[in-house]
Amino acid sequence: MAQKKPVLGICRGAQMINVALGGSLHQDIPAHRSDDYDQHAHEVRLEPGSGLAKLYGETGPRRVVSIHHQAINRLAPGLRVEARADDGVIEAVRGTGATFICAVQWHPEFHGGRDGFLDGALLLDEFLEATRK
């Protein structure tokens, strides 16, 4: 059997992965939309023991910028929550199987760890490393 390829979902990709694996979406969450992308920063809390917590450290909230009017509602089998917004909206998930699957509602390529934002390079490097295996 062929090795399955690693998958990194960004923004709508997080929602698509969840639906493709059998989950569902909240169809409209107006509080997570804005006309000005760069001004829609908010905190996310990393789940203790999660892959993201291992990358970024276990404590404290982290800042991201994400704008979306849909979000994960019922989590798909085979995924676990990695991060949530303060209002409980799921902002990141990860696969529980052997194949690397990680998905985030924000764009890790946009922020380099400055001004309290998560350093997206850490997640992107983790994904690139998974592609080399």
C-alpha atoms as a PDB file:
ATOM      1  CA  MET A   1       0.000   0.000   0.000  1.00  0.00           C
ATOM      2  CA  ALA A   2       1.307   3.463  -0.889  1.00  0.00           C
ATOM      3  CA  GLN A   3       2.242   5.890   1.871  1.00  0.00           C
ATOM      4  CA  LYS A   4      -0.355   8.640   2.279  1.00  0.00           C
ATOM      5  CA  LYS A   5       0.907  12.172   1.682  1.00  0.00           C
ATOM      6  CA  PRO A   6       1.028  14.763   4.488  1.00  0.00           C
ATOM      7  CA  VAL A   7      -1.699  17.404   4.408  1.00  0.00           C
ATOM      8  CA  LEU A   8      -1.631  20.972   5.741  1.00  0.00           C
ATOM      9  CA  GLY A   9      -4.941  22.833   5.589  1.00  0.00           C
ATOM     10  CA  ILE A  10      -4.948  26.614   5.772  1.00  0.00           C
ATOM     11  CA  CYS A  11      -8.036  28.790   6.269  1.00  0.00           C
ATOM     12  CA  ARG A  12     -10.896  27.219   4.293  1.00  0.00           C
ATOM     13  CA  GLY A  13      -8.685  24.151   3.928  1.00  0.00           C
ATOM     14  CA  ALA A  14      -9.269  23.406   7.626  1.00  0.00           C
ATOM     15  CA  GLN A  15     -13.006  23.367   7.023  1.00  0.00           C
ATOM     16  CA  MET A  16     -12.666  21.242   3.877  1.00  0.00           C
ATOM     17  CA  ILE A  17     -10.547  18.622   5.658  1.00  0.00           C
ATOM     18  CA  ASN A  18     -13.088  18.359   8.456  1.00  0.00           C
ATOM     19  CA  VAL A  19     -16.020  17.942   6.036  1.00  0.00           C
ATOM     20  CA  ALA A  20     -14.116  15.504   3.801  1.00  0.00           C
ATOM     21  CA  LEU A  21     -13.466  13.300   6.831  1.00  0.00           C
ATOM     22  CA  GLY A  22     -17.105  13.353   7.951  1.00  0.00           C
ATOM     23  CA  GLY A  23     -17.447  16.431  10.147  1.00  0.00           C
ATOM     24  CA  SER A  24     -19.763  19.408   9.799  1.00  0.00           C
ATOM     25  CA  LEU A  25     -19.562  23.211   9.785  1.00  0.00           C
ATOM     26  CA  HIS A  26     -21.206  26.133  11.493  1.00  0.00           C
ATOM     27  CA  GLN A  27     -22.638  27.874   8.431  1.00  0.00           C
ATOM     28  CA  ASP A  28     -22.288  31.479   9.635  1.00  0.00           C
ATOM     29  CA  ILE A  29     -20.297  32.981  12.493  1.00  0.00           C
ATOM     30  CA  PRO A  30     -20.435  36.765  11.933  1.00  0.00           C
ATOM     31  CA  ALA A  31     -18.105  37.559  14.850  1.00  0.00           C
ATOM     32  CA  HIS A  32     -15.186  36.080  12.893  1.00  0.00           C
ATOM     33  CA  ARG A  33     -15.523  38.331   9.814  1.00  0.00           C
ATOM     34  CA  SER A  34     -14.088  41.720   9.051  1.00  0.00           C
ATOM     35  CA  ASP A  35     -13.473  43.871   6.000  1.00  0.00           C
ATOM     36  CA  ASP A  36      -9.883  44.507   7.064  1.00  0.00           C
ATOM     37  CA  TYR A  37      -7.923  41.258   7.361  1.00  0.00           C
ATOM     38  CA  ASP A  38      -4.919  42.684   9.198  1.00  0.00           C
ATOM     39  CA  GLN A  39      -7.131  44.224  11.869  1.00  0.00           C
ATOM     40  CA  HIS A  40      -8.895  40.990  12.817  1.00  0.00           C
ATOM     41  CA  ALA A  41      -6.335  39.634  15.260  1.00  0.00           C
ATOM     42  CA  HIS A  42      -7.516  37.491  18.132  1.00  0.00           C
ATOM     43  CA  GLU A  43      -6.235  35.061  20.718  1.00  0.00           C
ATOM     44  CA  VAL A  44      -6.221  31.301  20.381  1.00  0.00           C
ATOM     45  CA  ARG A  45      -5.633  28.848  23.184  1.00  0.00           C
ATOM     46  CA  LEU A  46      -3.597  25.786  22.374  1.00  0.00           C
ATOM     47  CA  GLU A  47      -4.913  22.520  23.782  1.00  0.00           C
ATOM     48  CA  PRO A  48      -2.544  21.116  26.419  1.00  0.00           C
ATOM     49  CA  GLY A  49      -0.478  18.244  25.036  1.00  0.00           C
ATOM     50  CA  SER A  50      -1.390  19.053  21.428  1.00  0.00           C
ATOM     51  CA  GLY A  51       1.084  19.141  18.574  1.00  0.00           C
ATOM     52  CA  LEU A  52       0.799  22.930  18.402  1.00  0.00           C
ATOM     53  CA  ALA A  53       1.444  23.200  22.149  1.00  0.00           C
ATOM     54  CA  LYS A  54       4.590  21.133  21.638  1.00  0.00           C
ATOM     55  CA  LEU A  55       5.704  23.505  18.861  1.00  0.00           C
ATOM     56  CA  TYR A  56       4.830  26.767  20.607  1.00  0.00           C
ATOM     57  CA  GLY A  57       4.894  25.911  24.309  1.00  0.00           C
ATOM     58  CA  GLU A  58       2.145  24.837  26.641  1.00  0.00           C
ATOM     59  CA  THR A  59       1.218  28.112  28.314  1.00  0.00           C
ATOM     60  CA  GLY A  60      -0.536  31.294  27.400  1.00  0.00           C
ATOM     61  CA  PRO A  61      -2.822  32.442  24.626  1.00  0.00           C
ATOM     62  CA  ARG A  62      -1.419  33.179  21.167  1.00  0.00           C
ATOM     63  CA  ARG A  63      -2.408  35.772  18.594  1.00  0.00           C
ATOM     64  CA  VAL A  64      -3.450  34.945  15.043  1.00  0.00           C
ATOM     65  CA  VAL A  65      -5.321  36.734  12.291  1.00  0.00           C
ATOM     66  CA  SER A  66      -8.210  34.843  10.771  1.00  0.00           C
ATOM     67  CA  ILE A  67     -11.402  35.864   9.032  1.00  0.00           C
ATOM     68  CA  HIS A  68     -13.998  33.250   8.242  1.00  0.00           C
ATOM     69  CA  HIS A  69     -17.760  33.011   8.260  1.00  0.00           C
ATOM     70  CA  GLN A  70     -17.791  29.235   8.643  1.00  0.00           C
ATOM     71  CA  ALA A  71     -16.026  27.063  11.184  1.00  0.00           C
ATOM     72  CA  ILE A  72     -15.848  23.468  12.319  1.00  0.00           C
ATOM     73  CA  ASN A  73     -18.967  22.392  14.171  1.00  0.00           C
ATOM     74  CA  ARG A  74     -18.955  18.593  14.580  1.00  0.00           C
ATOM     75  CA  LEU A  75     -15.381  17.362  14.549  1.00  0.00           C
ATOM     76  CA  ALA A  76     -14.665  14.588  12.053  1.00  0.00           C
ATOM     77  CA  PRO A  77     -13.571  11.160  13.282  1.00  0.00           C
ATOM     78  CA  GLY A  78      -9.796  10.913  13.203  1.00  0.00           C
ATOM     79  CA  LEU A  79      -9.230  14.590  14.070  1.00  0.00           C
ATOM     80  CA  ARG A  80      -8.541  16.231  17.413  1.00  0.00           C
ATOM     81  CA  VAL A  81      -8.784  19.892  18.390  1.00  0.00           C
ATOM     82  CA  GLU A  82      -5.433  21.685  18.610  1.00  0.00           C
ATOM     83  CA  ALA A  83      -6.584  25.277  19.302  1.00  0.00           C
ATOM     84  CA  ARG A  84      -9.726  27.307  19.986  1.00  0.00           C
ATOM     85  CA  ALA A  85     -10.612  30.977  19.914  1.00  0.00           C
ATOM     86  CA  ASP A  86     -11.754  32.480  23.213  1.00  0.00           C
ATOM     87  CA  ASP A  87     -15.386  32.074  22.084  1.00  0.00           C
ATOM     88  CA  GLY A  88     -14.856  28.321  21.645  1.00  0.00           C
ATOM     89  CA  VAL A  89     -14.602  28.286  17.849  1.00  0.00           C
ATOM     90  CA  ILE A  90     -12.195  25.568  16.710  1.00  0.00           C
ATOM     91  CA  GLU A  91      -9.176  27.247  15.102  1.00  0.00           C
ATOM     92  CA  ALA A  92      -6.878  24.249  14.544  1.00  0.00           C
ATOM     93  CA  VAL A  93      -7.136  20.462  14.243  1.00  0.00           C
ATOM     94  CA  ARG A  94      -4.738  17.572  13.760  1.00  0.00           C
ATOM     95  CA  GLY A  95      -5.139  14.020  12.543  1.00  0.00           C
ATOM     96  CA  THR A  96      -4.838  11.201  15.052  1.00  0.00           C
ATOM     97  CA  GLY A  97      -3.464   8.645  12.581  1.00  0.00           C
ATOM     98  CA  ALA A  98       0.014   7.962  11.252  1.00  0.00           C
ATOM     99  CA  THR A  99      -0.302  10.399   8.322  1.00  0.00           C
ATOM    100  CA  PHE A 100       0.493  14.050   9.071  1.00  0.00           C
ATOM    101  CA  ILE A 101      -2.716  16.084   8.883  1.00  0.00           C
ATOM    102  CA  CYS A 102      -2.839  19.523  10.445  1.00  0.00           C
ATOM    103  CA  ALA A 103      -5.215  22.363   9.660  1.00  0.00           C
ATOM    104  CA  VAL A 104      -5.495  25.919  10.947  1.00  0.00           C
ATOM    105  CA  GLN A 105      -8.045  28.684  10.336  1.00  0.00           C
ATOM    106  CA  TRP A 106      -5.313  31.314  10.099  1.00  0.00           C
ATOM    107  CA  HIS A 107      -2.542  31.841   7.531  1.00  0.00           C
ATOM    108  CA  PRO A 108       0.754  30.738   9.117  1.00  0.00           C
ATOM    109  CA  GLU A 109       2.678  32.172   6.173  1.00  0.00           C
ATOM    110  CA  PHE A 110       1.602  35.746   7.043  1.00  0.00           C
ATOM    111  CA  HIS A 111       3.221  36.192  10.480  1.00  0.00           C
ATOM    112  CA  GLY A 112       6.767  35.585  11.545  1.00  0.00           C
ATOM    113  CA  GLY A 113       6.269  35.564  15.299  1.00  0.00           C
ATOM    114  CA  ARG A 114       6.364  39.319  15.681  1.00  0.00           C
ATOM    115  CA  ASP A 115       4.024  41.427  17.831  1.00  0.00           C
ATOM    116  CA  GLY A 116       2.834  38.409  19.830  1.00  0.00           C
ATOM    117  CA  PHE A 117       1.679  36.431  16.791  1.00  0.00           C
ATOM    118  CA  LEU A 118       2.391  32.726  16.424  1.00  0.00           C
ATOM    119  CA  ASP A 119       5.487  32.164  14.324  1.00  0.00           C
ATOM    120  CA  GLY A 120       4.033  30.354  11.329  1.00  0.00           C
ATOM    121  CA  ALA A 121       7.479  29.155  10.266  1.00  0.00           C
ATOM    122  CA  LEU A 122       7.425  26.521  13.015  1.00  0.00           C
ATOM    123  CA  LEU A 123       4.247  24.920  11.643  1.00  0.00           C
ATOM    124  CA  LEU A 124       5.384  25.212   8.039  1.00  0.00           C
ATOM    125  CA  ASP A 125       8.727  23.599   8.934  1.00  0.00           C
ATOM    126  CA  GLU A 126       6.903  20.751  10.712  1.00  0.00           C
ATOM    127  CA  PHE A 127       4.827  20.156   7.564  1.00  0.00           C
ATOM    128  CA  LEU A 128       7.890  20.268   5.290  1.00  0.00           C
ATOM    129  CA  GLU A 129       9.655  17.764   7.537  1.00  0.00           C
ATOM    130  CA  ALA A 130       6.642  15.437   7.289  1.00  0.00           C
ATOM    131  CA  THR A 131       6.858  15.618   3.474  1.00  0.00           C
ATOM    132  CA  ARG A 132      10.454  14.372   3.606  1.00  0.00           C
ATOM    133  CA  LYS A 133       9.571  11.170   5.455  1.00  0.00           C
END
